[in-house]
Amino acid sequence: MQHERCELCGAAIGPDHAHLLEIGVRRLHCACDACSLTLTESQRFLLVRPMTEALVDFNLSDWDWESMQLPIDLAFFFRSTTDGKVVALYPGPAGAMASTMSEGAWTRLVAANPMLKTLAPDVEALLINRTKGARRYYRVSIDRCYALVGVIRSSWKGISGGVEAWEAIGQFFSALDSSGVGNSNRAIMHG
């Protein structure tokens, strides 16, 4: 059995390892306990605390969603300290792609959902799934969003994704739903 390695020092790590976000380049690193404790003291890394919260009373009209002008019905949003604004990304077979979103669209969304004011910058995100008629909204740690990007990148085939990709996306969201409302957990993909 091959063990994962800390991407910062090379030490062996288990499946429930920490993630550190390298702020300036928006890169997640799998980290051992020692690195997660010492490197978060710098201004370069933030510890990502795994969490998933289903937002059952989230308010987002179809008109407001359309006003965000996203090319697909799956996206995540987080406040970037590097960019000084909210960043909208959508996952695809080429990775996480940035989308231009008006500040007005985000302001309306926050007015309808005040809990968005409390998203921790860089490490917490609003994840929205409106694919195939879904209306599912989550407050998640940023590692969850990039795990979804990984699911799509590894399973997507052709133009429409194929059956395997859509099954993998469905399994990802089922795992999010089963991880519980407000739980801090590591039930979703690592690595």
Protein backbone atom coordinates (compact mmCIF):
# COMPACT_ATOMS: atom_id res chain seq x y z
CA MET A 1 0.00 0.00 0.00
CA GLN A 2 1.44 3.33 -1.08
CA HIS A 3 1.09 6.23 1.35
CA GLU A 4 0.47 9.79 0.32
CA ARG A 5 3.22 12.29 1.00
CA CYS A 6 3.18 15.81 2.38
CA GLU A 7 3.62 18.04 -0.65
CA LEU A 8 5.72 20.44 1.41
CA CYS A 9 8.25 18.24 3.24
CA GLY A 10 7.74 14.73 1.82
CA ALA A 11 6.67 13.05 5.08
CA ALA A 12 4.15 10.19 4.87
CA ILE A 13 0.57 11.27 5.60
CA GLY A 14 -2.65 9.35 6.16
CA PRO A 15 -5.98 9.67 4.38
CA ASP A 16 -7.22 12.27 6.91
CA HIS A 17 -4.42 14.75 6.29
CA ALA A 18 -4.67 18.52 6.39
CA HIS A 19 -4.77 20.85 3.41
CA LEU A 20 -2.96 24.16 3.21
CA LEU A 21 -3.96 26.84 0.73
CA GLU A 22 -1.09 28.78 -0.80
CA ILE A 23 -2.87 32.10 -1.03
CA GLY A 24 -1.05 33.91 -3.83
CA VAL A 25 -1.40 31.09 -6.37
CA ARG A 26 -4.65 29.48 -5.09
CA ARG A 27 -2.99 26.09 -4.78
CA LEU A 28 -3.98 23.42 -2.27
CA HIS A 29 -1.24 21.30 -0.73
CA CYS A 30 -1.68 18.01 1.10
CA ALA A 31 0.19 18.57 4.37
CA CYS A 32 1.48 16.67 7.38
CA ASP A 33 0.61 17.86 10.88
CA ALA A 34 4.00 19.50 11.38
CA CYS A 35 3.77 21.56 8.19
CA SER A 36 0.13 22.48 8.82
CA LEU A 37 1.10 23.84 12.24
CA THR A 38 4.29 25.68 11.31
CA LEU A 39 3.48 27.02 7.85
CA THR A 40 0.16 28.59 8.81
CA GLU A 41 2.13 31.02 10.98
CA SER A 42 3.39 32.62 7.77
CA GLN A 43 1.37 34.96 5.58
CA ARG A 44 1.76 32.55 2.66
CA PHE A 45 -0.47 29.62 3.72
CA LEU A 46 -3.91 29.19 5.29
CA LEU A 47 -5.16 26.02 6.94
CA VAL A 48 -8.30 24.70 5.26
CA ARG A 49 -10.68 23.35 7.89
CA PRO A 50 -12.88 20.74 6.15
CA MET A 51 -16.57 21.60 6.34
CA THR A 52 -19.81 21.06 4.50
CA GLU A 53 -23.08 22.81 5.24
CA ALA A 54 -26.14 22.30 3.06
CA LEU A 55 -27.99 25.62 2.72
CA VAL A 56 -31.60 24.51 2.65
CA ASP A 57 -33.18 27.98 2.83
CA PHE A 58 -30.91 29.60 0.26
CA ASN A 59 -32.53 32.30 -1.89
CA LEU A 60 -31.50 32.49 -5.53
CA SER A 61 -34.03 33.24 -8.23
CA ASP A 62 -33.60 31.96 -11.76
CA TRP A 63 -33.29 35.60 -12.91
CA ASP A 64 -30.45 36.29 -10.43
CA TRP A 65 -28.69 33.10 -11.50
CA GLU A 66 -28.97 34.10 -15.17
CA SER A 67 -27.65 37.59 -14.35
CA MET A 68 -24.39 35.98 -13.18
CA GLN A 69 -23.80 34.93 -16.81
CA LEU A 70 -22.07 31.65 -16.01
CA PRO A 71 -21.66 29.28 -18.97
CA ILE A 72 -22.73 26.20 -16.96
CA ASP A 73 -25.06 25.45 -14.04
CA LEU A 74 -22.30 24.54 -11.61
CA ALA A 75 -20.07 27.11 -9.89
CA PHE A 76 -18.35 28.15 -6.70
CA PHE A 77 -17.72 31.59 -5.28
CA PHE A 78 -15.24 32.79 -2.67
CA ARG A 79 -13.77 36.07 -1.46
CA SER A 80 -10.17 36.28 -2.67
CA THR A 81 -7.85 38.41 -0.57
CA THR A 82 -5.33 38.42 -3.41
CA ASP A 83 -7.88 39.73 -5.94
CA GLY A 84 -9.72 41.92 -3.43
CA LYS A 85 -13.11 40.68 -4.64
CA VAL A 86 -15.40 37.68 -4.94
CA VAL A 87 -14.21 35.20 -7.53
CA ALA A 88 -16.60 32.99 -9.49
CA LEU A 89 -15.20 29.72 -10.82
CA TYR A 90 -16.85 26.87 -12.66
CA PRO A 91 -15.39 23.36 -12.90
CA GLY A 92 -14.77 21.75 -16.24
CA PRO A 93 -12.61 19.18 -17.96
CA ALA A 94 -9.78 21.75 -18.24
CA GLY A 95 -9.92 22.64 -14.53
CA ALA A 96 -11.46 25.54 -12.65
CA MET A 97 -12.28 28.39 -15.03
CA ALA A 98 -12.83 31.98 -13.90
CA SER A 99 -16.02 33.76 -14.88
CA THR A 100 -16.63 37.48 -14.83
CA MET A 101 -19.43 38.32 -12.45
CA SER A 102 -20.73 41.79 -11.72
CA GLU A 103 -20.35 43.12 -8.19
CA GLY A 104 -24.07 43.93 -8.35
CA ALA A 105 -24.98 40.25 -8.84
CA TRP A 106 -22.95 39.28 -5.76
CA THR A 107 -24.40 42.19 -3.74
CA ARG A 108 -27.95 41.02 -4.56
CA LEU A 109 -27.04 37.46 -3.59
CA VAL A 110 -25.61 38.58 -0.23
CA ALA A 111 -28.67 40.77 0.44
CA ALA A 112 -30.90 37.71 -0.08
CA ASN A 113 -28.55 35.43 1.91
CA PRO A 114 -26.77 37.41 4.68
CA MET A 115 -24.81 34.34 5.84
CA LEU A 116 -22.57 34.87 2.81
CA LYS A 117 -21.01 37.84 4.64
CA THR A 118 -19.45 35.34 7.06
CA LEU A 119 -17.62 33.20 4.48
CA ALA A 120 -13.99 33.00 5.57
CA PRO A 121 -11.91 34.63 2.81
CA ASP A 122 -9.97 32.26 0.56
CA VAL A 123 -10.86 29.04 2.44
CA GLU A 124 -14.69 28.91 2.38
CA ALA A 125 -16.93 29.01 -0.65
CA LEU A 126 -20.50 29.00 -1.82
CA LEU A 127 -20.95 25.94 -4.07
CA ILE A 128 -23.99 25.96 -6.36
CA ASN A 129 -25.34 23.00 -8.32
CA ARG A 130 -28.20 23.80 -10.70
CA THR A 131 -27.44 21.03 -13.21
CA LYS A 132 -30.25 18.88 -14.57
CA GLY A 133 -32.89 20.81 -12.60
CA ALA A 134 -31.09 20.62 -9.24
CA ARG A 135 -31.25 23.55 -6.84
CA ARG A 136 -28.55 22.62 -4.31
CA TYR A 137 -26.49 25.14 -2.38
CA TYR A 138 -23.62 24.55 0.04
CA ARG A 139 -21.22 26.43 2.25
CA VAL A 140 -18.04 24.38 1.96
CA SER A 141 -14.34 24.51 2.56
CA ILE A 142 -12.48 25.34 -0.65
CA ASP A 143 -10.97 21.85 -0.81
CA ARG A 144 -14.47 20.50 -1.52
CA CYS A 145 -14.70 22.74 -4.60
CA TYR A 146 -11.36 21.61 -5.96
CA ALA A 147 -12.28 17.99 -5.23
CA LEU A 148 -15.28 18.50 -7.54
CA VAL A 149 -12.93 19.95 -10.18
CA GLY A 150 -10.83 16.79 -9.85
CA VAL A 151 -13.89 14.55 -10.23
CA ILE A 152 -14.85 16.31 -13.45
CA ARG A 153 -11.32 16.40 -14.88
CA SER A 154 -10.77 12.70 -14.25
CA SER A 155 -14.11 11.44 -15.59
CA TRP A 156 -15.17 13.81 -18.38
CA LYS A 157 -15.36 12.39 -21.92
CA GLY A 158 -16.22 14.26 -25.11
CA ILE A 159 -18.41 17.33 -25.27
CA SER A 160 -21.21 16.36 -22.88
CA GLY A 161 -19.12 14.50 -20.30
CA GLY A 162 -20.59 11.06 -20.77
CA VAL A 163 -22.49 8.84 -18.37
CA GLU A 164 -19.47 8.15 -16.16
CA ALA A 165 -18.84 11.85 -15.55
CA TRP A 166 -22.45 12.59 -14.62
CA GLU A 167 -22.55 9.56 -12.33
CA ALA A 168 -19.34 10.76 -10.63
CA ILE A 169 -20.78 14.27 -10.22
CA GLY A 170 -23.96 12.78 -8.75
CA GLN A 171 -21.91 10.67 -6.32
CA PHE A 172 -19.91 13.72 -5.30
CA PHE A 173 -23.06 15.66 -4.38
CA SER A 174 -24.60 12.61 -2.68
CA ALA A 175 -21.46 12.43 -0.51
CA LEU A 176 -21.81 16.14 0.27
CA ASP A 177 -25.45 15.62 1.26
CA SER A 178 -24.64 12.61 3.44
CA SER A 179 -21.81 14.43 5.22
CA GLY A 180 -24.42 16.33 7.22
CA VAL A 181 -25.56 19.89 7.73
CA GLY A 182 -22.91 21.99 9.42
CA ASN A 183 -20.48 19.13 9.99
CA SER A 184 -16.77 19.69 9.90
CA ASN A 185 -15.61 16.47 8.37
CA ARG A 186 -13.23 14.89 5.94
CA ALA A 187 -15.78 12.70 4.16
CA ILE A 188 -15.06 14.14 0.72
CA MET A 189 -12.02 13.37 -1.41
CA HIS A 190 -8.47 14.12 -0.30
CA GLY A 191 -5.26 14.32 -2.22
